[in-house]
């Protein structure tokens, strides 16, 4: 299957999402969070670095649960033209 190339905005959104997850992870190891979410550490690494900018919904949901972050908060932080992302997960 050939994927449609991502737009620059989609790539930036993936990078923002990865940065949000890294901040939410804090001092916890990538392996610990990945195991808690039921995903591989490599999957989490790709998402956090923006190399997997469009992760599957259930992967995102599992990571949100493992990090105790609401899906609403993640969605708002990654919304187009939102300055919320700068403030998200800092509380």
PDB file of N, CA and C in Angstrom:
ATOM      1  N   UNK A   1       0.849  -1.179   0.000  1.00  0.00           N
ATOM      2  CA  UNK A   1       0.000   0.000   0.000  1.00  0.00           C
ATOM      3  C   UNK A   1       0.893   1.241   0.000  1.00  0.00           C
ATOM      4  N   UNK A   2       0.567   2.168  -0.853  1.00  0.00           N
ATOM      5  CA  UNK A   2       1.321   3.409  -0.948  1.00  0.00           C
ATOM      6  C   UNK A   2       0.590   4.474  -0.144  1.00  0.00           C
ATOM      7  N   UNK A   3       1.335   5.146   0.726  1.00  0.00           N
ATOM      8  CA  UNK A   3       0.737   6.201   1.539  1.00  0.00           C
ATOM      9  C   UNK A   3       0.845   7.545   0.825  1.00  0.00           C
ATOM     10  N   UNK A   4      -0.164   8.356   1.019  1.00  0.00           N
ATOM     11  CA  UNK A   4      -0.144   9.718   0.505  1.00  0.00           C
ATOM     12  C   UNK A   4       0.881  10.505   1.323  1.00  0.00           C
ATOM     13  N   UNK A   5       1.747  11.263   0.666  1.00  0.00           N
ATOM     14  CA  UNK A   5       2.726  12.055   1.431  1.00  0.00           C
ATOM     15  C   UNK A   5       2.027  13.005   2.406  1.00  0.00           C
ATOM     16  N   UNK A   6       2.640  13.180   3.552  1.00  0.00           N
ATOM     17  CA  UNK A   6       2.095  14.084   4.552  1.00  0.00           C
ATOM     18  C   UNK A   6       2.353  15.526   4.167  1.00  0.00           C
ATOM     19  N   UNK A   7       1.438  16.379   4.541  1.00  0.00           N
ATOM     20  CA  UNK A   7       1.631  17.804   4.322  1.00  0.00           C
ATOM     21  C   UNK A   7       2.600  18.329   5.379  1.00  0.00           C
ATOM     22  N   UNK A   8       3.179  19.492   5.139  1.00  0.00           N
ATOM     23  CA  UNK A   8       4.047  20.075   6.176  1.00  0.00           C
ATOM     24  C   UNK A   8       3.322  20.243   7.508  1.00  0.00           C
ATOM     25  N   UNK A   9       2.031  20.630   7.472  1.00  0.00           N
ATOM     26  CA  UNK A   9       1.279  20.788   8.707  1.00  0.00           C
ATOM     27  C   UNK A   9       1.136  19.457   9.437  1.00  0.00           C
ATOM     28  N   UNK A  10       0.877  18.376   8.698  1.00  0.00           N
ATOM     29  CA  UNK A  10       0.739  17.056   9.316  1.00  0.00           C
ATOM     30  C   UNK A  10       2.054  16.616   9.966  1.00  0.00           C
ATOM     31  N   UNK A  11       3.164  16.908   9.315  1.00  0.00           N
ATOM     32  CA  UNK A  11       4.469  16.574   9.906  1.00  0.00           C
ATOM     33  C   UNK A  11       4.702  17.391  11.179  1.00  0.00           C
ATOM     34  N   UNK A  12       4.379  18.673  11.131  1.00  0.00           N
ATOM     35  CA  UNK A  12       4.543  19.529  12.325  1.00  0.00           C
ATOM     36  C   UNK A  12       3.645  19.069  13.461  1.00  0.00           C
ATOM     37  N   UNK A  13       2.424  18.681  13.136  1.00  0.00           N
ATOM     38  CA  UNK A  13       1.500  18.176  14.146  1.00  0.00           C
ATOM     39  C   UNK A  13       2.068  16.911  14.799  1.00  0.00           C
ATOM     40  N   UNK A  14       2.650  16.032  14.004  1.00  0.00           N
ATOM     41  CA  UNK A  14       3.276  14.828  14.546  1.00  0.00           C
ATOM     42  C   UNK A  14       4.438  15.151  15.465  1.00  0.00           C
ATOM     43  N   UNK A  15       5.224  16.148  15.099  1.00  0.00           N
ATOM     44  CA  UNK A  15       6.343  16.571  15.956  1.00  0.00           C
ATOM     45  C   UNK A  15       5.832  17.173  17.256  1.00  0.00           C
ATOM     46  N   UNK A  16       4.764  17.990  17.174  1.00  0.00           N
ATOM     47  CA  UNK A  16       4.162  18.567  18.380  1.00  0.00           C
ATOM     48  C   UNK A  16       3.615  17.481  19.288  1.00  0.00           C
ATOM     49  N   UNK A  17       2.956  16.507  18.685  1.00  0.00           N
ATOM     50  CA  UNK A  17       2.392  15.409  19.456  1.00  0.00           C
ATOM     51  C   UNK A  17       3.496  14.619  20.161  1.00  0.00           C
ATOM     52  N   UNK A  18       4.570  14.352  19.455  1.00  0.00           N
ATOM     53  CA  UNK A  18       5.695  13.642  20.068  1.00  0.00           C
ATOM     54  C   UNK A  18       6.287  14.414  21.231  1.00  0.00           C
ATOM     55  N   UNK A  19       6.423  15.720  21.066  1.00  0.00           N
ATOM     56  CA  UNK A  19       6.963  16.551  22.149  1.00  0.00           C
ATOM     57  C   UNK A  19       6.031  16.546  23.354  1.00  0.00           C
ATOM     58  N   UNK A  20       4.727  16.562  23.109  1.00  0.00           N
ATOM     59  CA  UNK A  20       3.759  16.497  24.210  1.00  0.00           C
ATOM     60  C   UNK A  20       3.903  15.193  24.979  1.00  0.00           C
ATOM     61  N   UNK A  21       4.053  14.097  24.262  1.00  0.00           N
ATOM     62  CA  UNK A  21       4.211  12.806  24.929  1.00  0.00           C
ATOM     63  C   UNK A  21       5.502  12.759  25.736  1.00  0.00           C
ATOM     64  N   UNK A  22       6.569  13.305  25.182  1.00  0.00           N
ATOM     65  CA  UNK A  22       7.846  13.325  25.922  1.00  0.00           C
ATOM     66  C   UNK A  22       7.702  14.104  27.224  1.00  0.00           C
ATOM     67  N   UNK A  23       7.041  15.268  27.147  1.00  0.00           N
ATOM     68  CA  UNK A  23       6.834  16.063  28.364  1.00  0.00           C
ATOM     69  C   UNK A  23       5.954  15.326  29.367  1.00  0.00           C
ATOM     70  N   UNK A  24       4.902  14.683  28.877  1.00  0.00           N
ATOM     71  CA  UNK A  24       4.004  13.947  29.769  1.00  0.00           C
ATOM     72  C   UNK A  24       4.719  12.751  30.400  1.00  0.00           C
ATOM     73  N   UNK A  25       5.642  12.165  29.673  1.00  0.00           N
ATOM     74  CA  UNK A  25       6.399  11.012  30.187  1.00  0.00           C
ATOM     75  C   UNK A  25       7.317  11.431  31.314  1.00  0.00           C
ATOM     76  N   UNK A  26       7.823  12.648  31.268  1.00  0.00           N
ATOM     77  CA  UNK A  26       8.680  13.171  32.323  1.00  0.00           C
ATOM     78  C   UNK A  26       9.895  12.303  32.568  1.00  0.00           C
ATOM     79  N   UNK A  27      10.075  11.877  33.828  1.00  0.00           N
ATOM     80  CA  UNK A  27      11.238  11.074  34.205  1.00  0.00           C
ATOM     81  C   UNK A  27      11.050   9.583  33.961  1.00  0.00           C
ATOM     82  N   UNK A  28       9.847   9.184  33.587  1.00  0.00           N
ATOM     83  CA  UNK A  28       9.610   7.758  33.339  1.00  0.00           C
ATOM     84  C   UNK A  28      10.358   7.334  32.089  1.00  0.00           C
ATOM     85  N   UNK A  29      10.862   6.123  32.090  1.00  0.00           N
ATOM     86  CA  UNK A  29      11.600   5.642  30.927  1.00  0.00           C
ATOM     87  C   UNK A  29      10.644   5.336  29.780  1.00  0.00           C
ATOM     88  N   UNK A  30      11.173   5.394  28.579  1.00  0.00           N
ATOM     89  CA  UNK A  30      10.399   5.081  27.391  1.00  0.00           C
ATOM     90  C   UNK A  30       9.915   3.632  27.458  1.00  0.00           C
ATOM     91  N   UNK A  31      10.768   2.743  27.925  1.00  0.00           N
ATOM     92  CA  UNK A  31      10.417   1.324  28.024  1.00  0.00           C
ATOM     93  C   UNK A  31       9.261   1.129  29.012  1.00  0.00           C
ATOM     94  N   UNK A  32       9.313   1.822  30.144  1.00  0.00           N
ATOM     95  CA  UNK A  32       8.261   1.719  31.156  1.00  0.00           C
ATOM     96  C   UNK A  32       6.920   2.172  30.605  1.00  0.00           C
ATOM     97  N   UNK A  33       6.892   3.316  29.953  1.00  0.00           N
ATOM     98  CA  UNK A  33       5.642   3.855  29.408  1.00  0.00           C
ATOM     99  C   UNK A  33       5.133   2.977  28.276  1.00  0.00           C
ATOM    100  N   UNK A  34       6.014   2.544  27.401  1.00  0.00           N
ATOM    101  CA  UNK A  34       5.605   1.679  26.289  1.00  0.00           C
ATOM    102  C   UNK A  34       4.989   0.387  26.816  1.00  0.00           C
ATOM    103  N   UNK A  35       5.616  -0.223  27.824  1.00  0.00           N
ATOM    104  CA  UNK A  35       5.087  -1.459  28.402  1.00  0.00           C
ATOM    105  C   UNK A  35       3.722  -1.222  29.033  1.00  0.00           C
ATOM    106  N   UNK A  36       3.572  -0.112  29.745  1.00  0.00           N
ATOM    107  CA  UNK A  36       2.285   0.207  30.380  1.00  0.00           C
ATOM    108  C   UNK A  36       1.187   0.400  29.337  1.00  0.00           C
ATOM    109  N   UNK A  37       1.567   0.910  28.166  1.00  0.00           N
ATOM    110  CA  UNK A  37       0.598   1.152  27.093  1.00  0.00           C
ATOM    111  C   UNK A  37       0.392  -0.066  26.197  1.00  0.00           C
ATOM    112  N   UNK A  38       1.257  -1.060  26.337  1.00  0.00           N
ATOM    113  CA  UNK A  38       1.139  -2.241  25.491  1.00  0.00           C
ATOM    114  C   UNK A  38       1.641  -2.035  24.076  1.00  0.00           C
ATOM    115  N   UNK A  39       2.587  -1.120  23.914  1.00  0.00           N
ATOM    116  CA  UNK A  39       3.213  -0.890  22.604  1.00  0.00           C
ATOM    117  C   UNK A  39       4.710  -1.104  22.752  1.00  0.00           C
ATOM    118  N   UNK A  40       5.389  -1.249  21.645  1.00  0.00           N
ATOM    119  CA  UNK A  40       6.837  -1.431  21.715  1.00  0.00           C
ATOM    120  C   UNK A  40       7.528  -0.107  22.006  1.00  0.00           C
ATOM    121  N   UNK A  41       8.695  -0.196  22.611  1.00  0.00           N
ATOM    122  CA  UNK A  41       9.485   1.010  22.864  1.00  0.00           C
ATOM    123  C   UNK A  41       9.849   1.680  21.545  1.00  0.00           C
ATOM    124  N   UNK A  42      10.064   0.891  20.495  1.00  0.00           N
ATOM    125  CA  UNK A  42      10.387   1.463  19.189  1.00  0.00           C
ATOM    126  C   UNK A  42       9.216   2.267  18.632  1.00  0.00           C
ATOM    127  N   UNK A  43       8.001   1.781  18.834  1.00  0.00           N
ATOM    128  CA  UNK A  43       6.818   2.535  18.392  1.00  0.00           C
ATOM    129  C   UNK A  43       6.751   3.864  19.117  1.00  0.00           C
ATOM    130  N   UNK A  44       6.927   3.836  20.436  1.00  0.00           N
ATOM    131  CA  UNK A  44       6.901   5.080  21.200  1.00  0.00           C
ATOM    132  C   UNK A  44       8.028   6.009  20.759  1.00  0.00           C
ATOM    133  N   UNK A  45       9.208   5.476  20.511  1.00  0.00           N
ATOM    134  CA  UNK A  45      10.342   6.284  20.053  1.00  0.00           C
ATOM    135  C   UNK A  45      10.002   6.975  18.734  1.00  0.00           C
ATOM    136  N   UNK A  46       9.407   6.232  17.802  1.00  0.00           N
ATOM    137  CA  UNK A  46       9.046   6.815  16.504  1.00  0.00           C
ATOM    138  C   UNK A  46       8.004   7.924  16.656  1.00  0.00           C
ATOM    139  N   UNK A  47       7.037   7.712  17.541  1.00  0.00           N
ATOM    140  CA  UNK A  47       6.006   8.733  17.751  1.00  0.00           C
ATOM    141  C   UNK A  47       6.623   9.968  18.392  1.00  0.00           C
ATOM    142  N   UNK A  48       7.437   9.763  19.424  1.00  0.00           N
ATOM    143  CA  UNK A  48       8.035  10.903  20.131  1.00  0.00           C
ATOM    144  C   UNK A  48       8.973  11.719  19.249  1.00  0.00           C
ATOM    145  N   UNK A  49       9.632  11.075  18.294  1.00  0.00           N
ATOM    146  CA  UNK A  49      10.563  11.797  17.428  1.00  0.00           C
ATOM    147  C   UNK A  49       9.902  12.343  16.163  1.00  0.00           C
ATOM    148  N   UNK A  50       8.606  12.056  15.987  1.00  0.00           N
ATOM    149  CA  UNK A  50       7.900  12.558  14.813  1.00  0.00           C
ATOM    150  C   UNK A  50       8.062  11.695  13.586  1.00  0.00           C
ATOM    151  N   UNK A  51       8.756  10.562  13.707  1.00  0.00           N
ATOM    152  CA  UNK A  51       8.920   9.668  12.551  1.00  0.00           C
ATOM    153  C   UNK A  51       7.658   8.869  12.271  1.00  0.00           C
ATOM    154  N   UNK A  52       6.734   8.816  13.219  1.00  0.00           N
ATOM    155  CA  UNK A  52       5.415   8.193  13.033  1.00  0.00           C
ATOM    156  C   UNK A  52       4.376   9.257  13.383  1.00  0.00           C
ATOM    157  N   UNK A  53       4.180  10.223  12.479  1.00  0.00           N
ATOM    158  CA  UNK A  53       3.343  11.383  12.808  1.00  0.00           C
ATOM    159  C   UNK A  53       1.843  11.104  12.842  1.00  0.00           C
ATOM    160  N   UNK A  54       1.415   9.930  12.388  1.00  0.00           N
ATOM    161  CA  UNK A  54      -0.014   9.621  12.391  1.00  0.00           C
ATOM    162  C   UNK A  54      -0.235   8.249  13.020  1.00  0.00           C
ATOM    163  N   UNK A  55       0.012   8.125  14.330  1.00  0.00           N
ATOM    164  CA  UNK A  55      -0.178   6.831  14.979  1.00  0.00           C
ATOM    165  C   UNK A  55      -1.655   6.432  15.011  1.00  0.00           C
ATOM    166  N   UNK A  56      -1.896   5.138  15.105  1.00  0.00           N
ATOM    167  CA  UNK A  56      -3.257   4.619  15.161  1.00  0.00           C
ATOM    168  C   UNK A  56      -3.973   5.129  16.415  1.00  0.00           C
ATOM    169  N   UNK A  57      -5.279   5.270  16.308  1.00  0.00           N
ATOM    170  CA  UNK A  57      -6.070   5.781  17.419  1.00  0.00           C
ATOM    171  C   UNK A  57      -5.861   4.961  18.689  1.00  0.00           C
ATOM    172  N   UNK A  58      -5.900   3.648  18.582  1.00  0.00           N
ATOM    173  CA  UNK A  58      -5.788   2.823  19.778  1.00  0.00           C
ATOM    174  C   UNK A  58      -4.400   2.915  20.401  1.00  0.00           C
ATOM    175  N   UNK A  59      -3.392   3.193  19.613  1.00  0.00           N
ATOM    176  CA  UNK A  59      -2.049   3.434  20.156  1.00  0.00           C
ATOM    177  C   UNK A  59      -2.053   4.732  20.954  1.00  0.00           C
ATOM    178  N   UNK A  60      -2.645   5.765  20.386  1.00  0.00           N
ATOM    179  CA  UNK A  60      -2.743   7.059  21.078  1.00  0.00           C
ATOM    180  C   UNK A  60      -3.550   6.907  22.365  1.00  0.00           C
ATOM    181  N   UNK A  61      -4.665   6.194  22.290  1.00  0.00           N
ATOM    182  CA  UNK A  61      -5.505   5.999  23.476  1.00  0.00           C
ATOM    183  C   UNK A  61      -4.748   5.244  24.562  1.00  0.00           C
ATOM    184  N   UNK A  62      -3.997   4.225  24.191  1.00  0.00           N
ATOM    185  CA  UNK A  62      -3.231   3.452  25.172  1.00  0.00           C
ATOM    186  C   UNK A  62      -2.136   4.299  25.807  1.00  0.00           C
ATOM    187  N   UNK A  63      -1.459   5.112  25.004  1.00  0.00           N
ATOM    188  CA  UNK A  63      -0.424   5.995  25.545  1.00  0.00           C
ATOM    189  C   UNK A  63      -1.029   7.049  26.465  1.00  0.00           C
ATOM    190  N   UNK A  64      -2.160   7.598  26.072  1.00  0.00           N
ATOM    191  CA  UNK A  64      -2.826   8.598  26.911  1.00  0.00           C
ATOM    192  C   UNK A  64      -3.187   7.989  28.268  1.00  0.00           C
ATOM    193  N   UNK A  65      -3.708   6.773  28.261  1.00  0.00           N
ATOM    194  CA  UNK A  65      -4.074   6.111  29.517  1.00  0.00           C
ATOM    195  C   UNK A  65      -2.832   5.849  30.369  1.00  0.00           C
ATOM    196  N   UNK A  66      -1.759   5.376  29.742  1.00  0.00           N
ATOM    197  CA  UNK A  66      -0.527   5.078  30.486  1.00  0.00           C
ATOM    198  C   UNK A  66       0.084   6.340  31.083  1.00  0.00           C
ATOM    199  N   UNK A  67      -0.091   7.458  30.388  1.00  0.00           N
ATOM    200  CA  UNK A  67       0.476   8.731  30.853  1.00  0.00           C
ATOM    201  C   UNK A  67      -0.523   9.545  31.676  1.00  0.00           C
ATOM    202  N   UNK A  68      -1.743   9.019  31.826  1.00  0.00           N
ATOM    203  CA  UNK A  68      -2.797   9.710  32.565  1.00  0.00           C
ATOM    204  C   UNK A  68      -3.078  11.104  32.003  1.00  0.00           C
ATOM    205  N   UNK A  69      -3.203  11.152  30.691  1.00  0.00           N
ATOM    206  CA  UNK A  69      -3.521  12.381  29.961  1.00  0.00           C
ATOM    207  C   UNK A  69      -4.804  12.112  29.180  1.00  0.00           C
ATOM    208  N   UNK A  70      -5.720  13.054  29.186  1.00  0.00           N
ATOM    209  CA  UNK A  70      -6.980  12.839  28.472  1.00  0.00           C
ATOM    210  C   UNK A  70      -6.774  12.977  26.963  1.00  0.00           C
ATOM    211  N   UNK A  71      -7.578  12.225  26.227  1.00  0.00           N
ATOM    212  CA  UNK A  71      -7.541  12.341  24.768  1.00  0.00           C
ATOM    213  C   UNK A  71      -7.971  13.734  24.327  1.00  0.00           C
ATOM    214  N   UNK A  72      -8.894  14.330  25.044  1.00  0.00           N
ATOM    215  CA  UNK A  72      -9.331  15.699  24.715  1.00  0.00           C
ATOM    216  C   UNK A  72      -8.166  16.671  24.811  1.00  0.00           C
ATOM    217  N   UNK A  73      -7.369  16.519  25.855  1.00  0.00           N
ATOM    218  CA  UNK A  73      -6.227  17.415  26.039  1.00  0.00           C
ATOM    219  C   UNK A  73      -5.204  17.230  24.915  1.00  0.00           C
ATOM    220  N   UNK A  74      -4.943  15.982  24.552  1.00  0.00           N
ATOM    221  CA  UNK A  74      -4.006  15.730  23.455  1.00  0.00           C
ATOM    222  C   UNK A  74      -4.532  16.292  22.141  1.00  0.00           C
ATOM    223  N   UNK A  75      -5.812  16.085  21.874  1.00  0.00           N
ATOM    224  CA  UNK A  75      -6.397  16.581  20.624  1.00  0.00           C
ATOM    225  C   UNK A  75      -6.347  18.100  20.562  1.00  0.00           C
ATOM    226  N   UNK A  76      -6.693  18.753  21.665  1.00  0.00           N
ATOM    227  CA  UNK A  76      -6.672  20.215  21.689  1.00  0.00           C
ATOM    228  C   UNK A  76      -5.256  20.742  21.497  1.00  0.00           C
ATOM    229  N   UNK A  77      -4.288  20.068  22.075  1.00  0.00           N
ATOM    230  CA  UNK A  77      -2.909  20.523  21.985  1.00  0.00           C
ATOM    231  C   UNK A  77      -2.354  20.385  20.577  1.00  0.00           C
ATOM    232  N   UNK A  78      -2.903  19.464  19.823  1.00  0.00           N
ATOM    233  CA  UNK A  78      -2.396  19.231  18.467  1.00  0.00           C
ATOM    234  C   UNK A  78      -3.279  19.841  17.393  1.00  0.00           C
ATOM    235  N   UNK A  79      -4.324  20.555  17.798  1.00  0.00           N
ATOM    236  CA  UNK A  79      -5.247  21.155  16.834  1.00  0.00           C
ATOM    237  C   UNK A  79      -4.552  22.235  16.015  1.00  0.00           C
ATOM    238  N   UNK A  80      -4.941  22.338  14.775  1.00  0.00           N
ATOM    239  CA  UNK A  80      -4.374  23.348  13.883  1.00  0.00           C
ATOM    240  C   UNK A  80      -4.675  24.738  14.421  1.00  0.00           C
ATOM    241  N   UNK A  81      -3.691  25.607  14.318  1.00  0.00           N
ATOM    242  CA  UNK A  81      -3.813  27.002  14.737  1.00  0.00           C
ATOM    243  C   UNK A  81      -4.131  27.147  16.223  1.00  0.00           C
ATOM    244  N   UNK A  82      -3.678  26.207  17.019  1.00  0.00           N
ATOM    245  CA  UNK A  82      -3.939  26.273  18.454  1.00  0.00           C
ATOM    246  C   UNK A  82      -2.674  26.669  19.187  1.00  0.00           C
ATOM    247  N   UNK A  83      -2.788  27.642  20.091  1.00  0.00           N
ATOM    248  CA  UNK A  83      -1.653  27.977  20.929  1.00  0.00           C
ATOM    249  C   UNK A  83      -1.722  27.184  22.235  1.00  0.00           C
ATOM    250  N   UNK A  84      -2.772  26.370  22.362  1.00  0.00           N
ATOM    251  CA  UNK A  84      -2.947  25.545  23.553  1.00  0.00           C
ATOM    252  C   UNK A  84      -1.777  24.575  23.718  1.00  0.00           C
ATOM    253  N   UNK A  85      -1.226  24.085  22.601  1.00  0.00           N
ATOM    254  CA  UNK A  85      -0.130  23.113  22.646  1.00  0.00           C
ATOM    255  C   UNK A  85       1.068  23.596  23.421  1.00  0.00           C
ATOM    256  N   UNK A  86       1.298  24.890  23.427  1.00  0.00           N
ATOM    257  CA  UNK A  86       2.425  25.438  24.164  1.00  0.00           C
ATOM    258  C   UNK A  86       2.235  25.305  25.663  1.00  0.00           C
ATOM    259  N   UNK A  87       0.968  25.298  26.107  1.00  0.00           N
ATOM    260  CA  UNK A  87       0.674  25.265  27.518  1.00  0.00           C
ATOM    261  C   UNK A  87       0.278  23.874  27.992  1.00  0.00           C
ATOM    262  N   UNK A  88      -0.072  22.982  27.069  1.00  0.00           N
ATOM    263  CA  UNK A  88      -0.592  21.663  27.436  1.00  0.00           C
ATOM    264  C   UNK A  88       0.418  20.853  28.208  1.00  0.00           C
ATOM    265  N   UNK A  89      -0.101  20.094  29.099  1.00  0.00           N
ATOM    266  CA  UNK A  89       0.676  19.137  29.893  1.00  0.00           C
ATOM    267  C   UNK A  89       1.701  19.787  30.795  1.00  0.00           C
ATOM    268  N   UNK A  90       1.659  21.086  30.942  1.00  0.00           N
ATOM    269  CA  UNK A  90       2.626  21.752  31.819  1.00  0.00           C
ATOM    270  C   UNK A  90       2.086  21.877  33.232  1.00  0.00           C
ATOM    271  N   UNK A  91       0.811  21.634  33.386  1.00  0.00           N
ATOM    272  CA  UNK A  91       0.200  21.765  34.713  1.00  0.00           C
ATOM    273  C   UNK A  91       0.513  20.575  35.589  1.00  0.00           C
TER     274      UNK A  91
END
